[in-house]
Protein backbone atom coordinates (compact mmCIF):
# COMPACT_ATOMS: atom_id res chain seq x y z
CA UNK A 1 30.21 0.78 -156.02
CA UNK A 2 29.40 4.35 -155.11
CA UNK A 3 29.34 5.64 -151.37
CA UNK A 4 25.52 6.15 -151.89
CA UNK A 5 25.25 2.41 -153.15
CA UNK A 6 27.31 1.25 -150.13
CA UNK A 7 25.26 3.13 -147.77
CA UNK A 8 22.06 1.70 -149.36
CA UNK A 9 23.40 -1.78 -149.24
CA UNK A 10 24.20 -1.38 -145.57
CA UNK A 11 20.71 -0.07 -144.84
CA UNK A 12 19.10 -3.06 -146.66
CA UNK A 13 21.33 -5.40 -144.64
CA UNK A 14 20.40 -3.84 -141.41
CA UNK A 15 16.84 -4.04 -142.28
CA UNK A 16 17.08 -7.62 -143.15
CA UNK A 17 18.65 -8.38 -140.06
CA UNK A 18 15.87 -6.94 -137.95
CA UNK A 19 14.16 -9.98 -137.56
CA UNK A 20 15.22 -13.61 -137.90
CA UNK A 21 13.70 -16.27 -140.02
CA UNK A 22 11.26 -17.09 -137.13
CA UNK A 23 9.84 -13.49 -137.03
CA UNK A 24 11.98 -12.73 -133.72
CA UNK A 25 13.19 -9.07 -133.51
CA UNK A 26 16.55 -7.78 -132.78
CA UNK A 27 17.56 -6.03 -129.68
CA UNK A 28 20.06 -3.31 -129.91
CA UNK A 29 22.05 -2.38 -126.67
CA UNK A 30 22.83 1.13 -127.61
CA UNK A 31 25.06 3.73 -125.52
CA UNK A 32 23.68 7.32 -125.97
CA UNK A 33 26.93 8.99 -124.56
CA UNK A 34 26.88 11.65 -121.76
CA UNK A 35 23.93 13.31 -122.86
CA UNK A 36 24.57 16.10 -125.53
CA UNK A 37 22.35 14.85 -128.55
CA UNK A 38 25.42 15.89 -130.87
CA UNK A 39 27.57 13.31 -129.27
CA UNK A 40 25.17 10.31 -130.10
CA UNK A 41 26.97 8.30 -132.80
CA UNK A 42 25.30 8.24 -136.19
CA UNK A 43 24.52 4.52 -135.81
CA UNK A 44 22.75 5.05 -132.60
CA UNK A 45 20.57 7.91 -134.04
CA UNK A 46 19.66 5.80 -136.87
CA UNK A 47 18.73 2.80 -134.66
CA UNK A 48 16.63 5.15 -132.34
CA UNK A 49 14.59 6.35 -135.35
CA UNK A 50 14.21 2.97 -136.95
CA UNK A 51 13.29 1.06 -133.65
CA UNK A 52 9.54 -0.03 -132.78
CA UNK A 53 10.21 0.38 -129.07
CA UNK A 54 12.89 2.33 -127.07
CA UNK A 55 13.63 1.09 -123.49
CA UNK A 56 15.39 3.75 -121.74
CA UNK A 57 16.42 4.98 -118.42
CA UNK A 58 16.96 8.69 -117.47
CA UNK A 59 20.65 9.11 -118.21
CA UNK A 60 20.42 9.60 -121.71
CA UNK A 61 19.13 13.26 -120.96
CA UNK A 62 16.05 14.97 -121.67
CA UNK A 63 17.09 16.38 -124.92
CA UNK A 64 17.89 12.88 -126.47
CA UNK A 65 14.52 11.34 -124.85
CA UNK A 66 12.65 14.13 -126.38
CA UNK A 67 13.87 13.05 -129.74
CA UNK A 68 11.87 9.87 -129.36
CA UNK A 69 8.11 9.66 -130.08
CA UNK A 70 6.26 9.12 -126.84
CA UNK A 71 4.25 6.34 -128.17
CA UNK A 72 7.23 4.22 -128.69
CA UNK A 73 9.37 4.84 -125.62
CA UNK A 74 9.27 2.96 -122.47
CA UNK A 75 10.89 4.28 -119.17
CA UNK A 76 12.66 1.39 -117.33
CA UNK A 77 14.86 3.84 -115.26
CA UNK A 78 16.24 3.79 -111.84
CA UNK A 79 16.53 6.94 -109.70
CA UNK A 80 18.60 7.07 -106.82
CA UNK A 81 16.49 7.29 -103.55
CA UNK A 82 13.16 6.96 -105.77
CA UNK A 83 11.29 4.89 -107.93
CA UNK A 84 13.22 2.05 -110.17
CA UNK A 85 12.61 -0.65 -112.30
CA UNK A 86 13.68 -4.23 -111.38
CA UNK A 87 16.61 -5.10 -113.75
CA UNK A 88 14.61 -8.49 -114.14
CA UNK A 89 11.56 -6.90 -115.45
CA UNK A 90 13.82 -5.12 -118.05
CA UNK A 91 15.56 -8.30 -119.09
CA UNK A 92 12.11 -10.04 -119.49
CA UNK A 93 10.49 -7.15 -121.35
CA UNK A 94 13.42 -7.17 -124.05
CA UNK A 95 12.80 -10.74 -124.64
CA UNK A 96 8.97 -10.23 -124.67
CA UNK A 97 9.21 -7.46 -127.30
CA UNK A 98 11.77 -9.20 -129.49
CA UNK A 99 9.44 -12.40 -129.63
CA UNK A 100 6.62 -10.02 -130.73
CA UNK A 101 8.93 -9.34 -133.87
CA UNK A 102 9.89 -5.95 -132.54
CA UNK A 103 12.95 -4.01 -133.36
CA UNK A 104 14.01 -3.04 -129.82
CA UNK A 105 16.64 -0.39 -128.72
CA UNK A 106 17.59 -0.61 -124.96
CA UNK A 107 19.05 2.92 -124.66
CA UNK A 108 21.52 3.67 -122.01
CA UNK A 109 23.58 6.59 -121.03
CA UNK A 110 27.23 6.66 -121.78
CA UNK A 111 28.40 3.15 -122.90
CA UNK A 112 26.30 0.04 -122.46
CA UNK A 113 29.28 -1.84 -120.94
CA UNK A 114 30.76 0.50 -118.65
CA UNK A 115 28.58 0.11 -115.55
CA UNK A 116 25.41 -0.08 -117.83
CA UNK A 117 24.50 -3.57 -116.96
CA UNK A 118 24.74 -4.18 -120.70
CA UNK A 119 26.63 -7.45 -119.93
CA UNK A 120 23.73 -8.89 -117.97
CA UNK A 121 21.25 -7.97 -120.53
CA UNK A 122 23.37 -9.38 -123.31
CA UNK A 123 23.60 -12.71 -121.63
CA UNK A 124 20.07 -12.75 -120.82
CA UNK A 125 19.07 -12.26 -124.63
CA UNK A 126 21.53 -14.98 -125.44
CA UNK A 127 20.23 -17.43 -122.95
CA UNK A 128 16.73 -16.97 -124.50
CA UNK A 129 17.73 -17.11 -128.04
CA UNK A 130 17.37 -13.42 -128.95
CA UNK A 131 19.73 -11.76 -131.40
CA UNK A 132 21.17 -8.80 -130.55
CA UNK A 133 23.43 -5.94 -131.39
CA UNK A 134 25.92 -3.83 -129.27
CA UNK A 135 26.39 -0.35 -130.30
CA UNK A 136 29.05 1.38 -128.21
CA UNK A 137 28.77 5.06 -126.73
CA UNK A 138 30.88 7.64 -125.58
CA UNK A 139 31.29 6.95 -121.77
CA UNK A 140 30.74 9.89 -119.40
CA UNK A 141 33.72 8.45 -117.29
CA UNK A 142 35.94 10.17 -120.20
CA UNK A 143 33.52 12.68 -121.74
CA UNK A 144 32.35 14.01 -118.52
CA UNK A 145 35.68 15.05 -117.14
CA UNK A 146 36.81 16.09 -120.74
CA UNK A 147 33.88 18.49 -121.13
CA UNK A 148 34.63 20.07 -117.84
CA UNK A 149 38.18 20.80 -119.00
CA UNK A 150 39.86 17.90 -117.09
CA UNK A 151 41.68 15.12 -119.13
CA UNK A 152 41.72 11.82 -117.25
CA UNK A 153 45.24 11.41 -118.52
CA UNK A 154 47.92 13.78 -119.12
CA UNK A 155 51.79 13.36 -119.59
CA UNK A 156 52.84 15.73 -117.04
CA UNK A 157 50.88 14.56 -114.19
CA UNK A 158 49.46 10.89 -114.74
CA UNK A 159 49.49 7.96 -117.23
CA UNK A 160 46.82 5.73 -115.81
CA UNK A 161 43.21 6.04 -115.02
CA UNK A 162 40.68 3.55 -113.10
CA UNK A 163 37.11 3.58 -113.49
CA UNK A 164 34.97 2.63 -110.37
CA UNK A 165 31.28 2.28 -109.63
CA UNK A 166 30.21 4.14 -106.54
CA UNK A 167 26.84 2.12 -106.58
CA UNK A 168 27.69 -1.62 -106.50
CA UNK A 169 24.91 -4.31 -106.05
CA UNK A 170 23.23 -4.05 -102.67
CA UNK A 171 23.09 -7.86 -102.25
CA UNK A 172 26.89 -8.17 -101.97
CA UNK A 173 28.24 -9.31 -98.86
CA UNK A 174 31.07 -6.83 -99.23
CA UNK A 175 32.65 -4.39 -101.56
CA UNK A 176 34.54 -5.66 -104.64
CA UNK A 177 36.33 -2.36 -104.78
CA UNK A 178 39.85 -2.41 -103.41
CA UNK A 179 40.37 1.17 -102.27
CA UNK A 180 43.88 0.47 -101.22
CA UNK A 181 44.95 -0.73 -104.39
CA UNK A 182 43.55 2.20 -106.23
CA UNK A 183 45.05 4.67 -103.60
CA UNK A 184 48.49 3.08 -104.46
CA UNK A 185 48.33 3.42 -108.23
CA UNK A 186 48.94 7.17 -108.30
CA UNK A 187 46.73 7.63 -111.19
CA UNK A 188 43.22 9.18 -112.01
CA UNK A 189 40.32 7.77 -110.35
CA UNK A 190 36.86 8.17 -111.79
CA UNK A 191 33.91 7.19 -109.71
CA UNK A 192 30.59 6.94 -111.52
CA UNK A 193 27.30 7.11 -109.69
CA UNK A 194 29.08 7.92 -106.45
CA UNK A 195 27.58 11.16 -105.29
CA UNK A 196 25.73 9.47 -102.47
CA UNK A 197 28.49 7.50 -101.20
CA UNK A 198 31.31 10.17 -101.37
CA UNK A 199 31.97 10.09 -97.57
CA UNK A 200 32.55 6.50 -97.63
CA UNK A 201 34.99 6.09 -100.46
CA UNK A 202 36.80 9.53 -99.71
CA UNK A 203 37.19 8.04 -96.14
CA UNK A 204 38.61 4.94 -97.64
CA UNK A 205 41.09 6.49 -99.79
CA UNK A 206 42.43 8.72 -96.96
CA UNK A 207 42.83 5.85 -94.81
CA UNK A 208 44.54 4.04 -97.50
CA UNK A 209 47.17 6.85 -97.66
CA UNK A 210 45.87 9.19 -100.26
CA UNK A 211 46.66 12.75 -99.26
CA UNK A 212 44.07 15.01 -98.00
CA UNK A 213 44.95 17.81 -100.53
CA UNK A 214 44.72 15.42 -103.61
CA UNK A 215 42.28 17.55 -106.06
CA UNK A 216 38.80 16.34 -106.69
CA UNK A 217 36.17 17.56 -108.95
CA UNK A 218 32.54 16.57 -108.94
CA UNK A 219 30.76 17.06 -112.57
CA UNK A 220 26.91 16.99 -112.50
CA UNK A 221 25.01 16.44 -115.64
CA UNK A 222 28.04 16.45 -117.94
CA UNK A 223 27.41 18.09 -121.52
CA UNK A 224 23.63 18.71 -120.41
CA UNK A 225 22.48 22.36 -120.84
CA UNK A 226 22.40 22.54 -116.81
CA UNK A 227 26.07 21.06 -116.30
CA UNK A 228 27.64 22.23 -113.11
CA UNK A 229 31.20 21.64 -111.74
CA UNK A 230 32.33 21.68 -108.21
CA UNK A 231 36.13 21.56 -107.35
CA UNK A 232 37.82 20.88 -103.98
CA UNK A 233 40.26 18.33 -102.23
CA UNK A 234 39.77 14.92 -100.79
CA UNK A 235 39.56 16.75 -97.26
CA UNK A 236 36.92 19.39 -98.43
CA UNK A 237 34.99 17.73 -101.11
CA UNK A 238 31.98 16.62 -99.07
CA UNK A 239 31.60 20.08 -97.63
CA UNK A 240 31.77 21.49 -101.32
CA UNK A 241 29.18 18.95 -102.48
CA UNK A 242 26.73 19.80 -99.75
CA UNK A 243 27.16 23.61 -100.17
CA UNK A 244 26.65 23.29 -103.75
CA UNK A 245 23.84 20.87 -103.73
CA UNK A 246 25.50 18.69 -106.39
CA UNK A 247 23.07 15.90 -107.15
CA UNK A 248 23.19 12.77 -109.44
CA UNK A 249 23.79 12.14 -112.11
CA UNK A 250 27.38 13.00 -111.66
CA UNK A 251 30.99 11.76 -111.73
CA UNK A 252 33.90 12.16 -109.35
CA UNK A 253 37.33 12.72 -110.74
CA UNK A 254 40.03 12.44 -107.95
CA UNK A 255 43.82 12.98 -108.74
CA UNK A 256 46.07 15.86 -109.91
CA UNK A 257 44.26 16.09 -113.23
CA UNK A 258 41.12 17.47 -111.29
CA UNK A 259 43.00 20.71 -110.94
CA UNK A 260 43.29 21.38 -114.53
CA UNK A 261 40.10 22.90 -115.02
CA UNK A 262 40.88 26.03 -112.98
CA UNK A 263 43.82 26.68 -115.30
CA UNK A 264 41.90 26.44 -118.50
CA UNK A 265 38.37 27.48 -117.90
CA UNK A 266 38.91 31.05 -118.83
CA UNK A 267 39.12 29.68 -122.45
CA UNK A 268 36.90 26.57 -122.28
CA UNK A 269 33.87 26.64 -124.48
CA UNK A 270 30.78 24.89 -123.14
CA UNK A 271 32.40 23.57 -120.05
CA UNK A 272 29.43 24.03 -117.65
CA UNK A 273 29.00 26.46 -114.84
CA UNK A 274 30.90 26.49 -111.56
CA UNK A 275 28.66 25.35 -108.99
CA UNK A 276 27.48 27.90 -106.42
CA UNK A 277 26.08 27.55 -103.07
CA UNK A 278 22.60 25.89 -102.75
CA UNK A 279 19.65 28.15 -103.11
CA UNK A 280 21.28 30.51 -105.22
CA UNK A 281 20.16 31.32 -108.64
CA UNK A 282 22.65 29.51 -110.98
CA UNK A 283 22.78 30.18 -114.80
CA UNK A 284 24.48 27.14 -116.23
CA UNK A 285 24.81 28.85 -119.78
CA UNK A 286 26.48 31.95 -118.53
CA UNK A 287 30.23 32.71 -118.91
CA UNK A 288 30.49 30.81 -122.66
CA UNK A 289 34.19 30.77 -122.32
CA UNK A 290 34.31 28.33 -119.40
CA UNK A 291 30.77 28.65 -117.87
CA UNK A 292 32.01 30.70 -114.87
CA UNK A 293 29.13 32.36 -112.81
């Protein structure tokens, strides 16, 4: 069988599986990666193109969302401090559309299972008898740091990395994050969705014994055209955030590797702009080799 025959067979199999025998559609939980359209997987791009409906939030980024015809996309996003779509609505909408026989893509930033609530949606679909598929994406927890010239692991500096959400379920009585344990690991700490609560967890880490001069980087809109990076230390990063007006979506990288960017950015292609003081005219595409203002 030729490669073309194999691909044709795979496409035919995919189309056959789009609905089950009862006319119920399939829901695809798809990760879009950190935002650069070229970092979409080939499978993600194909499913988006073939879908009847795409339910998305804002995290896939404007370039990816603009690839989807307006008539088949539905915004179910959540925006910090602004409007938001209840998760219950999204869960029920996925079931509703699938029962109408629709082929549905639930498009998420990064990877569906890295703080993307993909697990909750998967369980809801299963509970309601809806067939689904998981399509992994490149998580911004790794790709965002890498794009800024920051490796989350490095043989000379660190051999472990921990991923933490900075935005836990507000209905919890207390945080499930053990900051004492994280401070004691000695590895890289990547906090997703943690811009607003930066003062809280940096204080927790200092109280747990992490040195105030530990390097920290904030990476805003990683791999997007207007990507920016701000660097500092555990003691200074709150002031840096405020002075540079870093806003979500952004990730925080804490650990020795966060200082790597300053050593390599002169040769780094597409690494985003160094954040400058709020109110100044930033040009995120300037400085092709490293994006330095």
